[in-house]
Every structure is written in structure tokens, then in C-alpha cells.
Amino acid sequence: MTDSERQTDRRLERIILQLLDRRGPAATICPSDAARAAYDGEDDGWRALMEPVRRAARRLVESGEVEITQGGRRVEPTKARGPIRIRRARRPGNGPAPSEAS
């Protein structure tokens, strides 16, 4: 991995966390939100950043910063297929997300 790729990876991680910080504690973002925020152009070039954003989200899951969800429920990043959402990780004592409550 080149220095440029590492810088892009870290930038995408920061963008994900910044977008989540701007929203409520239970809010989620779509990976496309981060890809669009990272892309400087006006065309659909942000689409090329979708997989790098998903990888950045998986790294943030590994570090305990975020969770990946599908249908409002947390999923293991390696098992997620199709559209995902990203949210801040639930901390012990914070209770389940509304959609996870029984």
C-alpha cells in the first residue's frame, strides 16, 4: 500500500466519523454519504470511492468506533451483502437502538 492510499484510507475514516458526529447519537449514514463528501468533483466519480469507504467502515468496526447495520440491525462486516448503513458503536449501558429493542 502506498502512502497516498494510506492517506486516503485515513481520510475516509475521518469523514465517516465526522458525518456521524454531525448527526444524532443513534443516526446512521450511508457509505455513499462519505464517498460524496470525500469526492471533489461534480460528476458521479464518487462511486469509485464506495468500496474504499466500505473498507474504511470495516476498519472502524475493528477499532470499536462504528457498527455496520442492515435493516436496522448490527451485522458482521464480513457477512454484510448489499446496502449497509454505518452508525456509532453502541457502548455498554447505552441500551439497544430502538429497532433492536424487544
N, C-alpha and C. Protein backbone atom coordinates (compact mmCIF):
# COMPACT_ATOMS: atom_id res chain seq x y z
N MET A 1 0.86 -1.19 0.00
CA MET A 1 0.00 0.00 0.00
C MET A 1 0.90 1.24 0.00
N THR A 2 0.57 2.17 -0.86
CA THR A 2 1.36 3.39 -0.96
C THR A 2 0.97 4.39 0.13
N ASP A 3 1.81 5.39 0.32
CA ASP A 3 1.49 6.45 1.29
C ASP A 3 0.21 7.16 0.89
N SER A 4 0.01 7.37 -0.39
CA SER A 4 -1.19 8.04 -0.87
C SER A 4 -2.45 7.23 -0.54
N GLU A 5 -2.37 5.92 -0.72
CA GLU A 5 -3.50 5.05 -0.38
C GLU A 5 -3.78 5.07 1.12
N ARG A 6 -2.73 5.05 1.92
CA ARG A 6 -2.90 5.11 3.37
C ARG A 6 -3.54 6.44 3.78
N GLN A 7 -3.12 7.52 3.15
CA GLN A 7 -3.71 8.83 3.46
C GLN A 7 -5.19 8.86 3.08
N THR A 8 -5.52 8.28 1.94
CA THR A 8 -6.92 8.22 1.52
C THR A 8 -7.74 7.39 2.50
N ASP A 9 -7.19 6.26 2.91
CA ASP A 9 -7.89 5.41 3.89
C ASP A 9 -8.18 6.17 5.17
N ARG A 10 -7.19 6.86 5.70
CA ARG A 10 -7.37 7.61 6.95
C ARG A 10 -8.35 8.76 6.75
N ARG A 11 -8.29 9.40 5.60
CA ARG A 11 -9.22 10.49 5.30
C ARG A 11 -10.66 9.98 5.28
N LEU A 12 -10.88 8.83 4.65
CA LEU A 12 -12.23 8.27 4.60
C LEU A 12 -12.72 7.90 5.99
N GLU A 13 -11.85 7.36 6.83
CA GLU A 13 -12.23 7.07 8.21
C GLU A 13 -12.65 8.34 8.94
N ARG A 14 -11.87 9.40 8.77
CA ARG A 14 -12.20 10.68 9.42
C ARG A 14 -13.53 11.22 8.92
N ILE A 15 -13.76 11.12 7.63
CA ILE A 15 -15.01 11.63 7.06
C ILE A 15 -16.20 10.86 7.62
N ILE A 16 -16.10 9.54 7.72
CA ILE A 16 -17.19 8.75 8.30
C ILE A 16 -17.49 9.24 9.71
N LEU A 17 -16.45 9.38 10.53
CA LEU A 17 -16.65 9.80 11.92
C LEU A 17 -17.20 11.23 12.00
N GLN A 18 -16.72 12.11 11.14
CA GLN A 18 -17.22 13.49 11.14
C GLN A 18 -18.70 13.54 10.76
N LEU A 19 -19.09 12.78 9.76
CA LEU A 19 -20.50 12.76 9.36
C LEU A 19 -21.37 12.23 10.50
N LEU A 20 -20.92 11.20 11.18
CA LEU A 20 -21.68 10.67 12.31
C LEU A 20 -21.74 11.66 13.46
N ASP A 21 -20.65 12.38 13.68
CA ASP A 21 -20.63 13.38 14.76
C ASP A 21 -21.64 14.50 14.53
N ARG A 22 -21.92 14.80 13.26
CA ARG A 22 -22.86 15.88 12.92
C ARG A 22 -24.32 15.46 13.10
N ARG A 23 -24.54 14.20 13.31
CA ARG A 23 -25.91 13.69 13.43
C ARG A 23 -26.15 13.23 14.86
N GLY A 24 -27.36 12.85 15.14
CA GLY A 24 -27.71 12.38 16.47
C GLY A 24 -26.98 11.10 16.82
N PRO A 25 -26.93 10.77 18.12
CA PRO A 25 -26.17 9.60 18.56
C PRO A 25 -26.66 8.27 17.97
N ALA A 26 -27.92 8.18 17.62
CA ALA A 26 -28.45 6.93 17.06
C ALA A 26 -28.52 6.97 15.53
N ALA A 27 -28.07 8.06 14.93
CA ALA A 27 -28.18 8.23 13.48
C ALA A 27 -27.23 7.31 12.73
N THR A 28 -27.58 7.05 11.48
CA THR A 28 -26.73 6.27 10.60
C THR A 28 -26.41 7.09 9.36
N ILE A 29 -25.37 6.65 8.67
CA ILE A 29 -25.05 7.22 7.36
C ILE A 29 -24.93 6.09 6.36
N CYS A 30 -25.11 6.43 5.13
CA CYS A 30 -24.89 5.50 4.03
C CYS A 30 -23.43 5.68 3.57
N PRO A 31 -22.77 4.61 3.16
CA PRO A 31 -21.42 4.78 2.64
C PRO A 31 -21.33 5.83 1.52
N SER A 32 -22.41 5.98 0.76
CA SER A 32 -22.38 6.97 -0.32
C SER A 32 -22.29 8.39 0.23
N ASP A 33 -22.80 8.63 1.45
CA ASP A 33 -22.65 9.95 2.07
C ASP A 33 -21.17 10.29 2.23
N ALA A 34 -20.40 9.32 2.72
CA ALA A 34 -18.97 9.54 2.91
C ALA A 34 -18.24 9.65 1.57
N ALA A 35 -18.62 8.81 0.61
CA ALA A 35 -17.97 8.87 -0.71
C ALA A 35 -18.21 10.23 -1.36
N ARG A 36 -19.43 10.73 -1.27
CA ARG A 36 -19.74 12.04 -1.85
C ARG A 36 -18.98 13.15 -1.13
N ALA A 37 -18.88 13.04 0.19
CA ALA A 37 -18.17 14.07 0.97
C ALA A 37 -16.68 14.07 0.63
N ALA A 38 -16.14 12.92 0.29
CA ALA A 38 -14.71 12.82 0.00
C ALA A 38 -14.36 13.22 -1.42
N TYR A 39 -15.34 13.14 -2.33
CA TYR A 39 -15.08 13.40 -3.74
C TYR A 39 -15.20 14.89 -4.04
N ASP A 40 -14.22 15.41 -4.75
CA ASP A 40 -14.18 16.85 -5.04
C ASP A 40 -14.95 17.25 -6.30
N GLY A 41 -15.24 16.31 -7.16
CA GLY A 41 -15.86 16.65 -8.44
C GLY A 41 -17.37 16.81 -8.35
N GLU A 42 -17.94 17.22 -9.47
CA GLU A 42 -19.39 17.42 -9.58
C GLU A 42 -20.08 16.23 -10.25
N ASP A 43 -19.31 15.32 -10.85
CA ASP A 43 -19.90 14.18 -11.55
C ASP A 43 -20.06 13.01 -10.58
N ASP A 44 -20.28 11.83 -11.13
CA ASP A 44 -20.51 10.67 -10.26
C ASP A 44 -19.22 9.89 -9.96
N GLY A 45 -18.09 10.57 -10.01
CA GLY A 45 -16.81 9.95 -9.69
C GLY A 45 -16.74 9.44 -8.25
N TRP A 46 -17.63 9.92 -7.39
CA TRP A 46 -17.67 9.44 -6.00
C TRP A 46 -17.93 7.94 -5.94
N ARG A 47 -18.56 7.39 -6.96
CA ARG A 47 -18.88 5.96 -6.96
C ARG A 47 -17.63 5.09 -6.84
N ALA A 48 -16.52 5.57 -7.38
CA ALA A 48 -15.26 4.83 -7.29
C ALA A 48 -14.76 4.73 -5.84
N LEU A 49 -15.28 5.56 -4.98
CA LEU A 49 -14.88 5.55 -3.57
C LEU A 49 -15.76 4.65 -2.70
N MET A 50 -16.80 4.06 -3.27
CA MET A 50 -17.72 3.26 -2.46
C MET A 50 -17.03 2.08 -1.77
N GLU A 51 -16.27 1.30 -2.49
CA GLU A 51 -15.61 0.16 -1.84
C GLU A 51 -14.54 0.63 -0.86
N PRO A 52 -13.73 1.65 -1.18
CA PRO A 52 -12.81 2.16 -0.16
C PRO A 52 -13.53 2.65 1.11
N VAL A 53 -14.71 3.26 0.96
CA VAL A 53 -15.47 3.70 2.14
C VAL A 53 -15.94 2.49 2.93
N ARG A 54 -16.40 1.46 2.26
CA ARG A 54 -16.84 0.24 2.97
C ARG A 54 -15.66 -0.38 3.71
N ARG A 55 -14.49 -0.38 3.09
CA ARG A 55 -13.30 -0.91 3.79
C ARG A 55 -12.96 -0.05 5.00
N ALA A 56 -13.05 1.27 4.84
CA ALA A 56 -12.79 2.17 5.98
C ALA A 56 -13.77 1.89 7.11
N ALA A 57 -15.04 1.65 6.77
CA ALA A 57 -16.04 1.33 7.80
C ALA A 57 -15.69 0.03 8.50
N ARG A 58 -15.22 -0.96 7.75
CA ARG A 58 -14.83 -2.24 8.38
C ARG A 58 -13.67 -2.04 9.34
N ARG A 59 -12.71 -1.18 8.97
CA ARG A 59 -11.59 -0.91 9.89
C ARG A 59 -12.10 -0.22 11.16
N LEU A 60 -13.06 0.69 10.99
CA LEU A 60 -13.63 1.38 12.15
C LEU A 60 -14.44 0.42 13.03
N VAL A 61 -15.04 -0.60 12.43
CA VAL A 61 -15.71 -1.64 13.22
C VAL A 61 -14.65 -2.37 14.06
N GLU A 62 -13.55 -2.73 13.42
CA GLU A 62 -12.48 -3.45 14.12
C GLU A 62 -11.93 -2.64 15.30
N SER A 63 -11.90 -1.32 15.16
CA SER A 63 -11.38 -0.48 16.25
C SER A 63 -12.45 -0.13 17.28
N GLY A 64 -13.69 -0.59 17.05
CA GLY A 64 -14.75 -0.36 18.01
C GLY A 64 -15.44 1.00 17.90
N GLU A 65 -15.17 1.74 16.83
CA GLU A 65 -15.75 3.08 16.65
C GLU A 65 -17.16 3.06 16.08
N VAL A 66 -17.42 2.14 15.15
CA VAL A 66 -18.71 2.12 14.46
C VAL A 66 -19.24 0.70 14.38
N GLU A 67 -20.49 0.60 13.96
CA GLU A 67 -21.13 -0.67 13.64
C GLU A 67 -21.72 -0.55 12.24
N ILE A 68 -21.76 -1.67 11.57
CA ILE A 68 -22.41 -1.75 10.27
C ILE A 68 -23.77 -2.41 10.48
N THR A 69 -24.79 -1.82 9.88
CA THR A 69 -26.14 -2.36 10.05
C THR A 69 -26.80 -2.62 8.70
N GLN A 70 -27.76 -3.53 8.76
CA GLN A 70 -28.67 -3.79 7.64
C GLN A 70 -30.04 -3.98 8.25
N GLY A 71 -31.00 -3.27 7.72
CA GLY A 71 -32.35 -3.37 8.26
C GLY A 71 -32.43 -2.94 9.72
N GLY A 72 -31.55 -2.03 10.13
CA GLY A 72 -31.55 -1.53 11.49
C GLY A 72 -30.87 -2.42 12.50
N ARG A 73 -30.35 -3.55 12.07
CA ARG A 73 -29.68 -4.49 12.98
C ARG A 73 -28.20 -4.59 12.65
N ARG A 74 -27.41 -4.67 13.71
CA ARG A 74 -25.96 -4.79 13.53
C ARG A 74 -25.65 -6.11 12.82
N VAL A 75 -24.71 -6.05 11.89
CA VAL A 75 -24.25 -7.24 11.18
C VAL A 75 -22.74 -7.29 11.20
N GLU A 76 -22.23 -8.49 11.07
CA GLU A 76 -20.78 -8.66 10.94
C GLU A 76 -20.37 -8.15 9.57
N PRO A 77 -19.35 -7.31 9.52
CA PRO A 77 -18.93 -6.73 8.23
C PRO A 77 -18.65 -7.78 7.15
N THR A 78 -18.10 -8.91 7.53
CA THR A 78 -17.77 -9.93 6.53
C THR A 78 -19.00 -10.63 5.98
N LYS A 79 -20.13 -10.53 6.70
CA LYS A 79 -21.36 -11.18 6.27
C LYS A 79 -22.33 -10.23 5.58
N ALA A 80 -22.04 -8.95 5.60
CA ALA A 80 -22.95 -7.95 5.01
C ALA A 80 -22.91 -8.06 3.49
N ARG A 81 -24.08 -8.23 2.91
CA ARG A 81 -24.23 -8.27 1.46
C ARG A 81 -25.30 -7.25 1.09
N GLY A 82 -25.02 -6.44 0.10
CA GLY A 82 -26.00 -5.44 -0.32
C GLY A 82 -25.84 -4.15 0.47
N PRO A 83 -26.88 -3.32 0.47
CA PRO A 83 -26.81 -2.00 1.10
C PRO A 83 -26.56 -2.10 2.61
N ILE A 84 -25.70 -1.22 3.09
CA ILE A 84 -25.40 -1.16 4.52
C ILE A 84 -25.57 0.27 5.01
N ARG A 85 -25.64 0.41 6.32
CA ARG A 85 -25.61 1.72 6.98
C ARG A 85 -24.49 1.64 8.01
N ILE A 86 -24.01 2.80 8.42
CA ILE A 86 -22.93 2.89 9.41
C ILE A 86 -23.42 3.76 10.55
N ARG A 87 -23.19 3.32 11.77
CA ARG A 87 -23.56 4.11 12.95
C ARG A 87 -22.45 4.01 13.99
N ARG A 88 -22.48 4.94 14.93
CA ARG A 88 -21.54 4.87 16.05
C ARG A 88 -21.78 3.57 16.81
N ALA A 89 -20.71 2.99 17.33
CA ALA A 89 -20.84 1.76 18.11
C ALA A 89 -21.62 2.02 19.38
N ARG A 90 -22.45 1.07 19.74
CA ARG A 90 -23.21 1.15 20.98
C ARG A 90 -22.27 0.84 22.13
N ARG A 91 -22.26 1.69 23.11
CA ARG A 91 -21.42 1.47 24.29
C ARG A 91 -22.24 0.75 25.36
N PRO A 92 -21.61 -0.09 26.16
CA PRO A 92 -22.34 -0.75 27.24
C PRO A 92 -23.05 0.29 28.11
N GLY A 93 -24.29 0.00 28.45
CA GLY A 93 -25.06 0.92 29.27
C GLY A 93 -25.88 1.90 28.48
N ASN A 94 -25.63 2.01 27.18
CA ASN A 94 -26.40 2.94 26.34
C ASN A 94 -27.69 2.29 25.85
N GLY A 95 -27.85 0.99 26.03
CA GLY A 95 -29.07 0.33 25.60
C GLY A 95 -29.07 0.07 24.11
N PRO A 96 -30.03 -0.74 23.67
CA PRO A 96 -30.12 -1.07 22.25
C PRO A 96 -30.70 0.10 21.44
N ALA A 97 -30.42 0.05 20.18
CA ALA A 97 -31.06 1.02 19.28
C ALA A 97 -32.54 0.71 19.27
N PRO A 98 -33.39 1.70 19.00
CA PRO A 98 -34.84 1.48 19.02
C PRO A 98 -35.27 0.28 18.19
N SER A 99 -34.66 0.03 17.06
CA SER A 99 -35.08 -1.08 16.21
C SER A 99 -34.59 -2.42 16.76
N GLU A 100 -33.68 -2.41 17.74
CA GLU A 100 -33.19 -3.64 18.31
C GLU A 100 -33.90 -3.99 19.61
N ALA A 101 -34.68 -3.09 20.15
CA ALA A 101 -35.38 -3.36 21.40
C ALA A 101 -36.42 -4.45 21.20
N SER A 102 -36.59 -5.30 22.20
CA SER A 102 -37.59 -6.37 22.07
C SER A 102 -38.94 -5.91 22.49
